[in-house]
Amino acid sequence: MEFLDIPLFDNDFYKMIFRFILNFSFLTVIIRFIYYPDSKRKDYVFTYYLISLIVFFLCFTLKKYEMDIGMALGLFAIFGIIRYRTNPVDIKEMTYLFVVIGVSIINALANKKMSYAEILSANLIIVFVLLLIEKYWSLKQLITKTIVYENIDNIKPENYNILKEDLKNRTGLIINNVTVGDVDFLKDVATVTIFYYKNK
């Protein structure tokens, strides 16, 4: 049965729903249970879910059409020029964005040459590696913060340890490194950048 030369229903509907549930389940594990507990960034949770959703349905839809290599490259070039120009995106957030896009493409574009065992294995391996690195290796995330510092005598190279200890006492942070930026001798202030590990 058709409407305007488009079938109202075909067997690919069940395949789409099953793969969507599979894709959404693994995305929830990655986004909600691996990424979010550490970052607490609700804005990126929203972004990851919506981008992965659009990528999944876009890829699933385009899979039903014959595309030449030029059109395929043009399609993925669109993703290459997407930039969030309002705020710079941290490298970790960009990595998770690449992960959710990749998982959605894998789950959407898999065809008869790829079994469900292979699809599940690919998803499980990605989740396992993320869990291993994020939760069990506990890689420390180095964070930078720029501070206007008024005790200008401490910016001398020979007073580095005094500067570091003073900033540690004032901020309450375990500081790994300190760099001195712009110095204003008229106001007796300097811009210093501190590097510290994120406290989990």
C-alpha atoms as a PDB file:
ATOM      1  CA  MET A   1       0.000   0.000   0.000  1.00  0.00           C
ATOM      2  CA  GLU A   2       1.420   3.357  -1.045  1.00  0.00           C
ATOM      3  CA  PHE A   3       0.722   7.038  -0.591  1.00  0.00           C
ATOM      4  CA  LEU A   4       2.187   9.481  -3.113  1.00  0.00           C
ATOM      5  CA  ASP A   5       4.335   6.643  -4.526  1.00  0.00           C
ATOM      6  CA  ILE A   6       5.876   5.972  -1.115  1.00  0.00           C
ATOM      7  CA  PRO A   7       5.072   2.709   0.723  1.00  0.00           C
ATOM      8  CA  LEU A   8       3.311   3.224   4.022  1.00  0.00           C
ATOM      9  CA  PHE A   9       5.095   0.286   5.641  1.00  0.00           C
ATOM     10  CA  ASP A  10       7.857  -2.181   4.880  1.00  0.00           C
ATOM     11  CA  ASN A  11       9.869  -4.812   6.744  1.00  0.00           C
ATOM     12  CA  ASP A  12      12.768  -2.427   7.330  1.00  0.00           C
ATOM     13  CA  PHE A  13      10.650  -0.734   9.992  1.00  0.00           C
ATOM     14  CA  TYR A  14      11.266  -3.576  12.465  1.00  0.00           C
ATOM     15  CA  LYS A  15      14.961  -3.529  11.654  1.00  0.00           C
ATOM     16  CA  MET A  16      15.083   0.229  12.279  1.00  0.00           C
ATOM     17  CA  ILE A  17      13.281  -0.037  15.635  1.00  0.00           C
ATOM     18  CA  PHE A  18      15.496  -2.911  16.833  1.00  0.00           C
ATOM     19  CA  ARG A  19      18.698  -1.127  15.851  1.00  0.00           C
ATOM     20  CA  PHE A  20      17.466   2.114  17.386  1.00  0.00           C
ATOM     21  CA  ILE A  21      16.832   0.366  20.722  1.00  0.00           C
ATOM     22  CA  LEU A  22      20.246  -1.283  20.501  1.00  0.00           C
ATOM     23  CA  ASN A  23      21.941   2.002  19.635  1.00  0.00           C
ATOM     24  CA  PHE A  24      20.079   3.998  22.306  1.00  0.00           C
ATOM     25  CA  SER A  25      20.913   1.430  24.979  1.00  0.00           C
ATOM     26  CA  PHE A  26      24.650   1.581  24.307  1.00  0.00           C
ATOM     27  CA  LEU A  27      24.567   5.363  24.005  1.00  0.00           C
ATOM     28  CA  THR A  28      22.879   5.581  27.402  1.00  0.00           C
ATOM     29  CA  VAL A  29      25.640   3.467  28.942  1.00  0.00           C
ATOM     30  CA  ILE A  30      28.309   5.686  27.344  1.00  0.00           C
ATOM     31  CA  ILE A  31      26.694   9.078  27.945  1.00  0.00           C
ATOM     32  CA  ARG A  32      24.743   8.668  31.182  1.00  0.00           C
ATOM     33  CA  PHE A  33      26.801   6.123  33.106  1.00  0.00           C
ATOM     34  CA  ILE A  34      30.372   6.720  31.870  1.00  0.00           C
ATOM     35  CA  TYR A  35      30.597  10.347  30.730  1.00  0.00           C
ATOM     36  CA  TYR A  36      28.111  12.212  32.949  1.00  0.00           C
ATOM     37  CA  PRO A  37      29.104  10.993  36.472  1.00  0.00           C
ATOM     38  CA  ASP A  38      32.583  12.462  35.961  1.00  0.00           C
ATOM     39  CA  SER A  39      31.818  15.637  33.998  1.00  0.00           C
ATOM     40  CA  LYS A  40      28.355  16.659  35.332  1.00  0.00           C
ATOM     41  CA  ARG A  41      27.790  18.527  32.041  1.00  0.00           C
ATOM     42  CA  LYS A  42      24.057  18.308  31.298  1.00  0.00           C
ATOM     43  CA  ASP A  43      24.420  20.506  28.214  1.00  0.00           C
ATOM     44  CA  TYR A  44      26.721  17.967  26.562  1.00  0.00           C
ATOM     45  CA  VAL A  45      24.426  15.081  27.536  1.00  0.00           C
ATOM     46  CA  PHE A  46      21.655  16.821  25.585  1.00  0.00           C
ATOM     47  CA  THR A  47      24.006  17.471  22.655  1.00  0.00           C
ATOM     48  CA  TYR A  48      25.328  13.911  22.495  1.00  0.00           C
ATOM     49  CA  TYR A  49      21.872  12.327  22.540  1.00  0.00           C
ATOM     50  CA  LEU A  50      20.478  14.632  19.852  1.00  0.00           C
ATOM     51  CA  ILE A  51      23.481  14.425  17.524  1.00  0.00           C
ATOM     52  CA  SER A  52      23.654  10.638  17.798  1.00  0.00           C
ATOM     53  CA  LEU A  53      19.910  10.388  17.192  1.00  0.00           C
ATOM     54  CA  ILE A  54      20.099  12.495  14.023  1.00  0.00           C
ATOM     55  CA  VAL A  55      23.203  10.680  12.758  1.00  0.00           C
ATOM     56  CA  PHE A  56      21.580   7.281  13.323  1.00  0.00           C
ATOM     57  CA  PHE A  57      18.395   8.054  11.406  1.00  0.00           C
ATOM     58  CA  LEU A  58      20.310   9.946   8.719  1.00  0.00           C
ATOM     59  CA  CYS A  59      22.627   7.003   8.090  1.00  0.00           C
ATOM     60  CA  PHE A  60      19.805   4.450   8.268  1.00  0.00           C
ATOM     61  CA  THR A  61      17.779   6.442   5.760  1.00  0.00           C
ATOM     62  CA  LEU A  62      20.655   7.042   3.335  1.00  0.00           C
ATOM     63  CA  LYS A  63      21.603   3.361   3.439  1.00  0.00           C
ATOM     64  CA  LYS A  64      18.463   2.602   1.424  1.00  0.00           C
ATOM     65  CA  TYR A  65      19.695   4.734  -1.462  1.00  0.00           C
ATOM     66  CA  GLU A  66      22.555   4.213  -3.877  1.00  0.00           C
ATOM     67  CA  MET A  67      25.161   6.901  -3.272  1.00  0.00           C
ATOM     68  CA  ASP A  68      28.240   7.527  -5.343  1.00  0.00           C
ATOM     69  CA  ILE A  69      31.530   8.280  -3.612  1.00  0.00           C
ATOM     70  CA  GLY A  70      31.242  12.029  -4.264  1.00  0.00           C
ATOM     71  CA  MET A  71      27.900  12.326  -2.508  1.00  0.00           C
ATOM     72  CA  ALA A  72      29.093  10.220   0.422  1.00  0.00           C
ATOM     73  CA  LEU A  73      32.225  12.329   0.866  1.00  0.00           C
ATOM     74  CA  GLY A  74      30.155  15.522   0.575  1.00  0.00           C
ATOM     75  CA  LEU A  75      27.792  14.273   3.275  1.00  0.00           C
ATOM     76  CA  PHE A  76      30.555  13.595   5.777  1.00  0.00           C
ATOM     77  CA  ALA A  77      32.304  16.854   4.860  1.00  0.00           C
ATOM     78  CA  ILE A  78      29.270  18.584   6.380  1.00  0.00           C
ATOM     79  CA  PHE A  79      30.110  17.027   9.750  1.00  0.00           C
ATOM     80  CA  GLY A  80      33.702  18.168   9.331  1.00  0.00           C
ATOM     81  CA  ILE A  81      32.778  21.864   9.184  1.00  0.00           C
ATOM     82  CA  ILE A  82      30.415  21.828  12.156  1.00  0.00           C
ATOM     83  CA  ARG A  83      31.924  24.114  14.772  1.00  0.00           C
ATOM     84  CA  TYR A  84      30.578  25.330  18.119  1.00  0.00           C
ATOM     85  CA  ARG A  85      31.749  28.921  17.773  1.00  0.00           C
ATOM     86  CA  THR A  86      30.134  30.299  20.939  1.00  0.00           C
ATOM     87  CA  ASN A  87      32.370  28.364  23.341  1.00  0.00           C
ATOM     88  CA  PRO A  88      35.513  26.306  22.763  1.00  0.00           C
ATOM     89  CA  VAL A  89      34.861  22.586  23.187  1.00  0.00           C
ATOM     90  CA  ASP A  90      37.297  20.635  25.380  1.00  0.00           C
ATOM     91  CA  ILE A  91      39.173  17.766  23.772  1.00  0.00           C
ATOM     92  CA  LYS A  92      37.470  15.220  26.047  1.00  0.00           C
ATOM     93  CA  GLU A  93      34.002  16.416  25.058  1.00  0.00           C
ATOM     94  CA  MET A  94      35.011  16.342  21.371  1.00  0.00           C
ATOM     95  CA  THR A  95      36.242  12.761  21.837  1.00  0.00           C
ATOM     96  CA  TYR A  96      32.928  11.671  23.334  1.00  0.00           C
ATOM     97  CA  LEU A  97      31.144  13.459  20.483  1.00  0.00           C
ATOM     98  CA  PHE A  98      33.200  11.420  18.001  1.00  0.00           C
ATOM     99  CA  VAL A  99      32.407   8.233  19.956  1.00  0.00           C
ATOM    100  CA  VAL A 100      28.610   8.743  19.928  1.00  0.00           C
ATOM    101  CA  ILE A 101      28.670   9.625  16.221  1.00  0.00           C
ATOM    102  CA  GLY A 102      30.794   6.550  15.466  1.00  0.00           C
ATOM    103  CA  VAL A 103      28.568   4.212  17.480  1.00  0.00           C
ATOM    104  CA  SER A 104      25.455   5.549  15.737  1.00  0.00           C
ATOM    105  CA  ILE A 105      27.025   5.095  12.287  1.00  0.00           C
ATOM    106  CA  ILE A 106      28.110   1.530  13.117  1.00  0.00           C
ATOM    107  CA  ASN A 107      24.641   0.567  14.325  1.00  0.00           C
ATOM    108  CA  ALA A 108      22.860   2.260  11.420  1.00  0.00           C
ATOM    109  CA  LEU A 109      25.002   1.238   8.445  1.00  0.00           C
ATOM    110  CA  ALA A 110      25.687  -2.410   9.335  1.00  0.00           C
ATOM    111  CA  ASN A 111      24.357  -4.653   6.545  1.00  0.00           C
ATOM    112  CA  LYS A 112      23.911  -8.359   5.870  1.00  0.00           C
ATOM    113  CA  LYS A 113      27.682  -8.835   5.641  1.00  0.00           C
ATOM    114  CA  MET A 114      27.923  -7.978   9.351  1.00  0.00           C
ATOM    115  CA  SER A 115      26.237 -10.241  11.900  1.00  0.00           C
ATOM    116  CA  TYR A 116      24.487  -9.024  15.033  1.00  0.00           C
ATOM    117  CA  ALA A 117      27.230 -10.727  17.034  1.00  0.00           C
ATOM    118  CA  GLU A 118      29.778  -8.445  15.362  1.00  0.00           C
ATOM    119  CA  ILE A 119      27.624  -5.362  15.936  1.00  0.00           C
ATOM    120  CA  LEU A 120      27.177  -6.229  19.632  1.00  0.00           C
ATOM    121  CA  SER A 121      30.886  -7.010  19.982  1.00  0.00           C
ATOM    122  CA  ALA A 122      31.877  -3.649  18.469  1.00  0.00           C
ATOM    123  CA  ASN A 123      29.551  -1.787  20.859  1.00  0.00           C
ATOM    124  CA  LEU A 124      30.699  -3.793  23.878  1.00  0.00           C
ATOM    125  CA  ILE A 125      34.383  -3.253  23.072  1.00  0.00           C
ATOM    126  CA  ILE A 126      33.854   0.516  22.811  1.00  0.00           C
ATOM    127  CA  VAL A 127      31.996   0.586  26.151  1.00  0.00           C
ATOM    128  CA  PHE A 128      34.635  -1.650  27.786  1.00  0.00           C
ATOM    129  CA  VAL A 129      37.530   0.577  26.652  1.00  0.00           C
ATOM    130  CA  LEU A 130      35.718   3.731  27.827  1.00  0.00           C
ATOM    131  CA  LEU A 131      35.006   2.168  31.227  1.00  0.00           C
ATOM    132  CA  LEU A 132      38.580   0.939  31.539  1.00  0.00           C
ATOM    133  CA  ILE A 133      40.124   4.328  30.790  1.00  0.00           C
ATOM    134  CA  GLU A 134      37.537   6.547  32.515  1.00  0.00           C
ATOM    135  CA  LYS A 135      36.815   4.589  35.680  1.00  0.00           C
ATOM    136  CA  TYR A 136      39.616   2.158  36.424  1.00  0.00           C
ATOM    137  CA  TRP A 137      42.748   3.781  35.032  1.00  0.00           C
ATOM    138  CA  SER A 138      41.567   7.030  36.650  1.00  0.00           C
ATOM    139  CA  LEU A 139      43.534   9.233  34.303  1.00  0.00           C
ATOM    140  CA  LYS A 140      43.929  12.644  35.906  1.00  0.00           C
ATOM    141  CA  GLN A 141      42.470  15.583  34.032  1.00  0.00           C
ATOM    142  CA  LEU A 142      44.754  18.633  34.051  1.00  0.00           C
ATOM    143  CA  ILE A 143      42.817  21.881  34.398  1.00  0.00           C
ATOM    144  CA  THR A 144      44.082  25.438  33.889  1.00  0.00           C
ATOM    145  CA  LYS A 145      42.885  28.605  35.570  1.00  0.00           C
ATOM    146  CA  THR A 146      44.044  32.177  34.965  1.00  0.00           C
ATOM    147  CA  ILE A 147      44.432  34.395  38.023  1.00  0.00           C
ATOM    148  CA  VAL A 148      45.290  38.088  38.490  1.00  0.00           C
ATOM    149  CA  TYR A 149      48.024  38.057  41.137  1.00  0.00           C
ATOM    150  CA  GLU A 150      48.962  41.167  43.114  1.00  0.00           C
ATOM    151  CA  ASN A 151      52.064  40.044  45.048  1.00  0.00           C
ATOM    152  CA  ILE A 152      54.391  40.899  42.189  1.00  0.00           C
ATOM    153  CA  ASP A 153      57.609  40.119  44.072  1.00  0.00           C
ATOM    154  CA  ASN A 154      56.752  36.410  44.003  1.00  0.00           C
ATOM    155  CA  ILE A 155      56.743  36.185  40.194  1.00  0.00           C
ATOM    156  CA  LYS A 156      60.553  36.239  40.103  1.00  0.00           C
ATOM    157  CA  PRO A 157      62.036  32.897  38.987  1.00  0.00           C
ATOM    158  CA  GLU A 158      63.882  32.457  42.284  1.00  0.00           C
ATOM    159  CA  ASN A 159      60.560  32.842  44.176  1.00  0.00           C
ATOM    160  CA  TYR A 160      58.728  30.163  42.175  1.00  0.00           C
ATOM    161  CA  ASN A 161      58.167  27.874  45.162  1.00  0.00           C
ATOM    162  CA  ILE A 162      56.903  30.791  47.282  1.00  0.00           C
ATOM    163  CA  LEU A 163      54.494  31.756  44.481  1.00  0.00           C
ATOM    164  CA  LYS A 164      53.251  28.187  44.138  1.00  0.00           C
ATOM    165  CA  GLU A 165      52.738  27.778  47.878  1.00  0.00           C
ATOM    166  CA  ASP A 166      50.955  31.141  48.159  1.00  0.00           C
ATOM    167  CA  LEU A 167      48.547  30.236  45.338  1.00  0.00           C
ATOM    168  CA  LYS A 168      47.983  26.808  46.895  1.00  0.00           C
ATOM    169  CA  ASN A 169      47.023  28.378  50.230  1.00  0.00           C
ATOM    170  CA  ARG A 170      44.723  30.937  48.608  1.00  0.00           C
ATOM    171  CA  THR A 171      42.928  28.617  46.195  1.00  0.00           C
ATOM    172  CA  GLY A 172      42.966  25.407  48.220  1.00  0.00           C
ATOM    173  CA  LEU A 173      44.076  23.515  45.106  1.00  0.00           C
ATOM    174  CA  ILE A 174      46.931  21.059  44.708  1.00  0.00           C
ATOM    175  CA  ILE A 175      48.837  23.015  42.059  1.00  0.00           C
ATOM    176  CA  ASN A 176      51.020  21.110  39.641  1.00  0.00           C
ATOM    177  CA  ASN A 177      52.588  24.038  37.779  1.00  0.00           C
ATOM    178  CA  VAL A 178      52.443  27.844  37.533  1.00  0.00           C
ATOM    179  CA  THR A 179      53.282  30.059  34.556  1.00  0.00           C
ATOM    180  CA  VAL A 180      53.527  33.847  34.580  1.00  0.00           C
ATOM    181  CA  GLY A 181      51.866  35.783  31.761  1.00  0.00           C
ATOM    182  CA  ASP A 182      51.355  39.531  31.367  1.00  0.00           C
ATOM    183  CA  VAL A 183      52.867  41.798  34.026  1.00  0.00           C
ATOM    184  CA  ASP A 184      51.544  45.298  34.792  1.00  0.00           C
ATOM    185  CA  PHE A 185      54.147  47.169  36.848  1.00  0.00           C
ATOM    186  CA  LEU A 186      51.964  50.274  37.033  1.00  0.00           C
ATOM    187  CA  LYS A 187      49.240  48.384  38.904  1.00  0.00           C
ATOM    188  CA  ASP A 188      51.633  45.894  40.503  1.00  0.00           C
ATOM    189  CA  VAL A 189      49.681  42.896  39.221  1.00  0.00           C
ATOM    190  CA  ALA A 190      50.518  39.932  37.027  1.00  0.00           C
ATOM    191  CA  THR A 191      48.466  37.340  35.191  1.00  0.00           C
ATOM    192  CA  VAL A 192      49.431  33.831  36.247  1.00  0.00           C
ATOM    193  CA  THR A 193      48.082  30.526  34.991  1.00  0.00           C
ATOM    194  CA  ILE A 194      47.865  27.624  37.410  1.00  0.00           C
ATOM    195  CA  PHE A 195      47.713  23.972  36.383  1.00  0.00           C
ATOM    196  CA  TYR A 196      46.054  21.500  38.720  1.00  0.00           C
ATOM    197  CA  TYR A 197      44.518  18.057  38.513  1.00  0.00           C
ATOM    198  CA  LYS A 198      40.774  17.658  38.729  1.00  0.00           C
ATOM    199  CA  ASN A 199      39.731  16.394  42.125  1.00  0.00           C
ATOM    200  CA  LYS A 200      37.465  13.412  41.681  1.00  0.00           C
END
